[in-house]
């Protein structure tokens, strides 16, 4: 019974920010796309720190 509840809870859990970022990076088609995506994530983190 508890195993079923644990499985259900795991399925309903929203992905963490780190998991979403990794999925975004994994979708890169080539090295240049990956570098652009990394810059995008780095800029987003920098802007968040500035309160933008």
Protein backbone atom coordinates (compact mmCIF):
# COMPACT_ATOMS: atom_id res chain seq x y z
CA UNK A 1 0.00 0.00 0.00
CA UNK A 2 2.74 2.47 0.93
CA UNK A 3 4.75 1.54 -2.15
CA UNK A 4 1.76 2.51 -4.31
CA UNK A 5 1.47 5.84 -2.50
CA UNK A 6 5.19 6.52 -2.93
CA UNK A 7 5.01 5.73 -6.65
CA UNK A 8 1.98 7.98 -7.09
CA UNK A 9 3.64 10.83 -5.20
CA UNK A 10 6.76 10.48 -7.35
CA UNK A 11 4.68 10.65 -10.53
CA UNK A 12 2.82 13.78 -9.38
CA UNK A 13 5.96 15.61 -8.26
CA UNK A 14 6.95 18.63 -10.34
CA UNK A 15 10.49 18.61 -11.74
CA UNK A 16 13.06 20.73 -9.92
CA UNK A 17 14.71 23.75 -11.53
CA UNK A 18 17.92 21.76 -11.94
CA UNK A 19 16.04 18.97 -13.74
CA UNK A 20 14.34 21.49 -16.05
CA UNK A 21 17.68 23.17 -16.81
CA UNK A 22 19.33 19.83 -17.59
CA UNK A 23 16.47 18.83 -19.90
CA UNK A 24 16.81 22.20 -21.67
CA UNK A 25 20.55 21.66 -22.16
CA UNK A 26 20.05 18.07 -23.33
CA UNK A 27 17.84 19.31 -26.18
CA UNK A 28 20.79 21.12 -27.79
CA UNK A 29 21.41 19.99 -31.35
CA UNK A 30 25.12 20.75 -31.54
CA UNK A 31 27.99 22.28 -29.61
CA UNK A 32 27.13 25.84 -30.60
CA UNK A 33 23.51 25.43 -29.57
CA UNK A 34 24.67 23.99 -26.25
CA UNK A 35 26.97 26.97 -25.65
CA UNK A 36 24.15 29.40 -26.46
CA UNK A 37 21.83 27.58 -24.07
CA UNK A 38 24.48 27.65 -21.33
CA UNK A 39 24.91 31.41 -21.81
CA UNK A 40 21.13 31.81 -21.67
CA UNK A 41 20.96 29.96 -18.33
CA UNK A 42 23.94 31.88 -16.93
CA UNK A 43 22.38 35.21 -17.91
CA UNK A 44 19.08 34.19 -16.36
CA UNK A 45 20.80 33.35 -13.08
CA UNK A 46 22.76 36.63 -13.15
CA UNK A 47 19.62 38.63 -13.85
CA UNK A 48 17.77 36.88 -11.05
CA UNK A 49 20.55 37.88 -8.63
CA UNK A 50 20.15 41.51 -9.69
CA UNK A 51 16.40 41.40 -9.12
CA UNK A 52 15.52 41.84 -12.80
